[in-house]
Amino acid sequence: MDWDEKRREWLKLHPSFAATPANDTILTVTGSQPKACKSCIGDHLMLRMFKNKVYYCRIHGYDIFYNNVLFHPRAAVPGPKTRFSVLQC
């Protein structure tokens, strides 16, 4: 069974997660730096912030997209422009 078939089966069991054309969906785009933080407390805080975003999205029925990969190799400076291409798709 390939991924698409597994997803179809899962959506049959969980119909509330299926997107319908009649409903507008909100996509929350978030991410973090590709490398680990220099201190362990930084990684811990990043994880807590991500969990809070996921929890918020679940409560309000939003979709969430997380990525920690730079889309362009020259995008060494972290910021909103490094992930802008995902919004253009």
Protein backbone atom coordinates (compact mmCIF):
# COMPACT_ATOMS: atom_id res chain seq x y z
CA MET A 1 0.00 0.00 0.00
CA ASP A 2 1.51 3.32 -1.03
CA TRP A 3 1.31 6.59 0.89
CA ASP A 4 -1.74 7.93 -0.97
CA GLU A 5 -3.75 4.78 -0.26
CA LYS A 6 -2.73 4.88 3.42
CA ARG A 7 -3.82 8.52 3.61
CA ARG A 8 -7.18 7.75 1.97
CA GLU A 9 -7.80 4.94 4.46
CA TRP A 10 -6.77 7.14 7.38
CA LEU A 11 -9.05 9.96 6.20
CA LYS A 12 -11.96 7.51 6.01
CA LEU A 13 -11.38 6.73 9.68
CA HIS A 14 -10.84 10.41 10.60
CA PRO A 15 -13.16 12.45 8.34
CA SER A 16 -12.79 15.65 10.36
CA PHE A 17 -9.24 16.03 9.00
CA ALA A 18 -10.28 15.87 5.36
CA ALA A 19 -10.21 19.19 3.51
CA THR A 20 -13.31 19.92 1.48
CA PRO A 21 -13.50 22.46 -1.35
CA ALA A 22 -16.44 24.19 0.34
CA ASN A 23 -14.40 24.96 3.45
CA ASP A 24 -11.64 27.53 3.54
CA THR A 25 -8.50 26.25 5.17
CA ILE A 26 -5.84 28.23 6.97
CA LEU A 27 -2.24 27.10 6.70
CA THR A 28 0.18 28.14 9.42
CA VAL A 29 3.76 28.17 8.12
CA THR A 30 6.47 27.91 10.73
CA GLY A 31 10.05 26.79 10.95
CA SER A 32 13.32 27.01 12.75
CA GLN A 33 17.01 27.19 11.96
CA PRO A 34 18.49 24.04 10.41
CA LYS A 35 21.24 23.67 13.02
CA ALA A 36 20.79 22.93 16.69
CA CYS A 37 21.04 25.78 19.17
CA LYS A 38 24.32 26.32 20.98
CA SER A 39 22.65 25.80 24.35
CA CYS A 40 20.29 22.99 25.30
CA ILE A 41 17.78 25.48 26.72
CA GLY A 42 17.41 27.01 23.25
CA ASP A 43 16.43 23.65 21.74
CA HIS A 44 14.02 23.06 24.61
CA LEU A 45 12.35 26.45 24.08
CA MET A 46 12.10 25.88 20.32
CA LEU A 47 10.37 22.56 20.95
CA ARG A 48 7.95 24.12 23.45
CA MET A 49 7.11 26.96 21.04
CA PHE A 50 6.46 24.47 18.25
CA LYS A 51 4.22 22.35 20.49
CA ASN A 52 2.26 25.49 21.40
CA LYS A 53 1.75 26.31 17.72
CA VAL A 54 0.58 22.76 16.97
CA TYR A 55 -1.82 22.86 19.93
CA TYR A 56 -3.21 26.24 18.82
CA CYS A 57 -3.70 24.97 15.26
CA ARG A 58 -5.48 21.84 16.47
CA ILE A 59 -7.85 23.86 18.65
CA HIS A 60 -8.78 26.20 15.78
CA GLY A 61 -8.75 23.61 12.97
CA TYR A 62 -5.79 25.12 11.10
CA ASP A 63 -3.25 23.16 9.07
CA ILE A 64 0.40 23.55 10.02
CA PHE A 65 3.54 23.27 7.91
CA TYR A 66 6.89 23.08 9.67
CA ASN A 67 10.26 23.14 7.99
CA ASN A 68 13.82 23.65 9.13
CA VAL A 69 15.50 23.49 5.74
CA LEU A 70 16.70 26.56 3.87
CA PHE A 71 15.17 26.60 0.40
CA HIS A 72 18.14 28.30 -1.18
CA PRO A 73 21.77 27.48 -0.35
CA ARG A 74 22.73 31.18 -0.23
CA ALA A 75 19.98 31.93 2.28
CA ALA A 76 22.36 31.73 5.21
CA VAL A 77 20.67 34.54 7.10
CA PRO A 78 17.59 33.12 8.86
CA GLY A 79 14.39 35.04 8.47
CA PRO A 80 11.07 35.16 6.67
CA LYS A 81 12.61 35.52 3.19
CA THR A 82 14.35 32.14 3.44
CA ARG A 83 11.01 30.33 3.56
CA PHE A 84 8.98 32.61 1.30
CA SER A 85 9.10 30.20 -1.64
CA VAL A 86 6.78 27.77 0.16
CA LEU A 87 4.06 30.42 0.05
CA GLN A 88 4.50 30.98 -3.66
CA CYS A 89 3.73 27.33 -4.57
